[in-house]
Amino acid sequence: RSRSQNEGNEDCERRRMECLDEMSNLEKQFNDLRDQLYRERLSQVNSKLSEVEAGRASEYLEPLAVLLENMQVRTKVAGIYRELCLDSVKNKYDCEIQAASQHWESEKLLLLDTVQSELEEKIRRLEEDRHSIDITSGNNQASRACTTYSSWICVDWTAIRKVCVSVCIRSHMADYP
């Protein structure tokens, strides 16, 4: 039995060595395949990188097309929004101009009414004064006072007419830019 055991041991050792050789061979093939796969993969990555850098890779072109389309839409929307904002500012400006013009017109009319009321009051007082002078103009001094007062009334009337003409001219000139 020892011989057969020896032969069995030798046979096991031989098989073990064959297995180790086979395993070493398989490891070498695996490493070669792994290195080859790595080089192929690196070559593919470099090729894709070259395509991307050159602007020819579909992985690059499709998202780029989507981005460009989005950019165009956003640019168009921004342009429309800008125009709307400009229109809004122009409308606000026109409203402010119109409001200022209406305010100016109302102030002008108010001032004209005030001046007219003051002038009418002056005219009324002058008429009253003239009437009272006419009544008391019996003596010579009253006659002289009447003449002086009449000349003053004429000067005042002239001033009143000048103011009225000036206001009317300004009013009409304001209507024509």
Protein backbone atom coordinates (compact mmCIF):
# COMPACT_ATOMS: atom_id res chain seq x y z
CA ARG A 1 0.00 0.00 0.00
CA SER A 2 2.64 2.49 0.52
CA ARG A 3 3.59 2.23 -3.10
CA SER A 4 0.09 2.83 -4.17
CA GLN A 5 -0.10 5.60 -1.68
CA ASN A 6 3.05 7.03 -3.09
CA GLU A 7 1.68 6.77 -6.56
CA GLY A 8 -1.55 8.34 -5.38
CA ASN A 9 0.39 11.13 -3.78
CA GLU A 10 2.48 11.65 -6.89
CA ASP A 11 -0.63 11.57 -8.99
CA CYS A 12 -2.23 14.18 -6.69
CA GLU A 13 0.91 16.25 -6.79
CA ARG A 14 1.03 16.05 -10.58
CA ARG A 15 -2.62 16.98 -10.83
CA ARG A 16 -2.07 19.75 -8.37
CA MET A 17 0.79 21.08 -10.48
CA GLU A 18 -1.30 20.76 -13.62
CA CYS A 19 -4.08 22.65 -11.91
CA LEU A 20 -1.64 25.32 -10.72
CA ASP A 21 -0.23 25.59 -14.24
CA GLU A 22 -3.74 25.79 -15.65
CA MET A 23 -4.68 28.37 -13.05
CA SER A 24 -1.55 30.39 -13.78
CA ASN A 25 -2.32 30.16 -17.49
CA LEU A 26 -5.92 31.27 -16.88
CA GLU A 27 -4.73 34.18 -14.70
CA LYS A 28 -2.34 35.24 -17.45
CA GLN A 29 -5.11 35.04 -20.06
CA PHE A 30 -7.46 36.95 -17.72
CA ASN A 31 -4.85 39.67 -17.17
CA ASP A 32 -4.19 39.86 -20.92
CA LEU A 33 -7.92 40.09 -21.65
CA ARG A 34 -8.39 42.66 -18.87
CA ASP A 35 -5.53 44.78 -20.26
CA GLN A 36 -6.89 44.42 -23.78
CA LEU A 37 -10.40 45.40 -22.59
CA TYR A 38 -8.92 48.38 -20.71
CA ARG A 39 -7.04 49.53 -23.83
CA GLU A 40 -10.16 49.10 -25.99
CA ARG A 41 -12.27 50.96 -23.45
CA LEU A 42 -9.66 53.73 -23.19
CA SER A 43 -9.58 53.93 -26.97
CA GLN A 44 -13.39 54.20 -27.07
CA VAL A 45 -13.37 56.91 -24.41
CA ASN A 46 -10.65 58.84 -26.24
CA SER A 47 -12.55 58.43 -29.50
CA LYS A 48 -15.77 59.76 -27.87
CA LEU A 49 -13.81 62.60 -26.29
CA SER A 50 -12.41 63.51 -29.71
CA GLU A 51 -15.95 63.43 -31.16
CA VAL A 52 -17.23 65.64 -28.33
CA GLU A 53 -14.35 68.09 -28.74
CA ALA A 54 -14.98 68.17 -32.49
CA GLY A 55 -18.72 68.61 -31.90
CA ARG A 56 -19.75 65.39 -33.67
CA ALA A 57 -20.80 63.09 -30.80
CA SER A 58 -24.50 62.26 -30.72
CA GLU A 59 -24.34 62.21 -26.89
CA TYR A 60 -23.23 65.85 -27.21
CA LEU A 61 -25.28 67.00 -30.19
CA GLU A 62 -28.72 65.93 -28.94
CA PRO A 63 -28.52 67.74 -25.56
CA LEU A 64 -26.88 70.68 -27.33
CA ALA A 65 -29.80 70.91 -29.75
CA VAL A 66 -32.24 70.88 -26.81
CA LEU A 67 -30.21 73.58 -25.04
CA LEU A 68 -30.07 75.73 -28.18
CA GLU A 69 -33.83 75.39 -28.67
CA ASN A 70 -34.44 76.33 -25.03
CA MET A 71 -32.09 79.28 -25.43
CA GLN A 72 -33.98 80.50 -28.51
CA VAL A 73 -37.33 80.18 -26.73
CA ARG A 74 -36.03 82.01 -23.67
CA THR A 75 -34.46 84.72 -25.81
CA LYS A 76 -37.74 85.19 -27.68
CA VAL A 77 -39.72 85.31 -24.42
CA ALA A 78 -37.22 87.77 -22.94
CA GLY A 79 -37.55 89.96 -26.04
CA ILE A 80 -41.34 89.93 -25.79
CA TYR A 81 -41.15 90.67 -22.06
CA ARG A 82 -38.76 93.56 -22.74
CA GLU A 83 -41.13 95.02 -25.33
CA LEU A 84 -44.04 94.71 -22.90
CA CYS A 85 -42.01 96.45 -20.20
CA LEU A 86 -41.08 99.24 -22.62
CA ASP A 87 -44.74 99.63 -23.63
CA SER A 88 -45.72 99.77 -19.98
CA VAL A 89 -43.12 102.46 -19.27
CA LYS A 90 -44.26 104.44 -22.33
CA ASN A 91 -47.90 104.16 -21.22
CA LYS A 92 -46.98 105.32 -17.71
CA TYR A 93 -45.04 108.22 -19.21
CA ASP A 94 -47.98 109.19 -21.44
CA CYS A 95 -50.33 108.98 -18.45
CA GLU A 96 -48.03 111.20 -16.40
CA ILE A 97 -47.82 113.72 -19.25
CA GLN A 98 -51.60 113.69 -19.65
CA ALA A 99 -52.15 114.05 -15.90
CA ALA A 100 -49.66 116.92 -15.72
CA SER A 101 -51.32 118.61 -18.69
CA GLN A 102 -54.78 118.22 -17.16
CA HIS A 103 -53.52 119.52 -13.82
CA TRP A 104 -51.89 122.48 -15.56
CA GLU A 105 -55.10 123.21 -17.48
CA SER A 106 -57.22 123.04 -14.32
CA GLU A 107 -54.76 125.29 -12.45
CA LYS A 108 -54.75 127.69 -15.39
CA LEU A 109 -58.57 127.81 -15.45
CA LEU A 110 -58.68 128.25 -11.68
CA LEU A 111 -56.20 131.12 -11.92
CA LEU A 112 -58.13 132.64 -14.81
CA ASP A 113 -61.35 132.42 -12.78
CA THR A 114 -59.60 134.00 -9.80
CA VAL A 115 -58.18 136.84 -11.91
CA GLN A 116 -61.54 137.31 -13.59
CA SER A 117 -63.32 137.42 -10.20
CA GLU A 118 -60.81 139.94 -8.89
CA LEU A 119 -61.16 142.06 -12.02
CA GLU A 120 -64.95 141.91 -11.84
CA GLU A 121 -64.79 142.94 -8.20
CA LYS A 122 -62.49 145.85 -9.12
CA ILE A 123 -64.83 146.85 -11.93
CA ARG A 124 -67.81 146.69 -9.58
CA ARG A 125 -66.01 148.89 -7.03
CA LEU A 126 -64.97 151.31 -9.76
CA GLU A 127 -68.53 151.48 -11.02
CA GLU A 128 -69.77 152.13 -7.48
CA ASP A 129 -67.12 154.80 -6.95
CA ARG A 130 -67.96 156.46 -10.28
CA HIS A 131 -71.66 156.39 -9.43
CA SER A 132 -71.04 157.93 -6.03
CA ILE A 133 -68.81 160.62 -7.61
CA ASP A 134 -71.50 161.39 -10.19
CA ILE A 135 -74.00 161.94 -7.40
CA THR A 136 -71.73 164.24 -5.41
CA SER A 137 -70.21 166.08 -8.37
CA GLY A 138 -72.08 169.27 -7.58
CA ASN A 139 -69.05 171.34 -6.63
CA ASN A 140 -65.88 172.12 -8.54
CA GLN A 141 -63.61 170.06 -6.32
CA ALA A 142 -65.79 167.03 -6.86
CA SER A 143 -65.63 167.67 -10.57
CA ARG A 144 -61.83 167.74 -10.49
CA ALA A 145 -61.80 164.59 -8.35
CA CYS A 146 -64.16 162.96 -10.80
CA THR A 147 -61.90 163.84 -13.72
CA THR A 148 -58.86 162.50 -11.87
CA TYR A 149 -60.75 159.42 -10.78
CA SER A 150 -62.09 158.89 -14.32
CA SER A 151 -58.58 159.03 -15.74
CA TRP A 152 -57.52 156.56 -13.08
CA ILE A 153 -60.44 154.32 -14.05
CA CYS A 154 -59.40 154.54 -17.72
CA VAL A 155 -55.82 153.57 -16.80
CA ASP A 156 -57.18 150.73 -14.66
CA TRP A 157 -59.47 149.59 -17.51
CA THR A 158 -56.50 149.62 -19.88
CA ALA A 159 -54.50 147.49 -17.45
CA ILE A 160 -57.46 145.12 -17.06
CA ARG A 161 -57.80 144.75 -20.83
CA LYS A 162 -54.04 144.11 -21.19
CA VAL A 163 -54.21 141.36 -18.55
CA CYS A 164 -57.25 139.77 -20.23
CA VAL A 165 -55.59 139.88 -23.66
CA SER A 166 -52.34 138.51 -22.21
CA VAL A 167 -54.16 135.63 -20.46
CA CYS A 168 -56.14 134.83 -23.60
CA ILE A 169 -53.01 134.86 -25.78
CA ARG A 170 -51.13 132.63 -23.34
CA SER A 171 -54.10 130.29 -23.15
CA HIS A 172 -54.27 129.96 -26.93
CA MET A 173 -50.50 129.61 -27.32
CA ALA A 174 -50.45 126.81 -24.77
CA ASP A 175 -52.86 124.88 -26.96
CA TYR A 176 -50.33 124.92 -29.84
CA PRO A 177 -47.00 123.28 -29.02
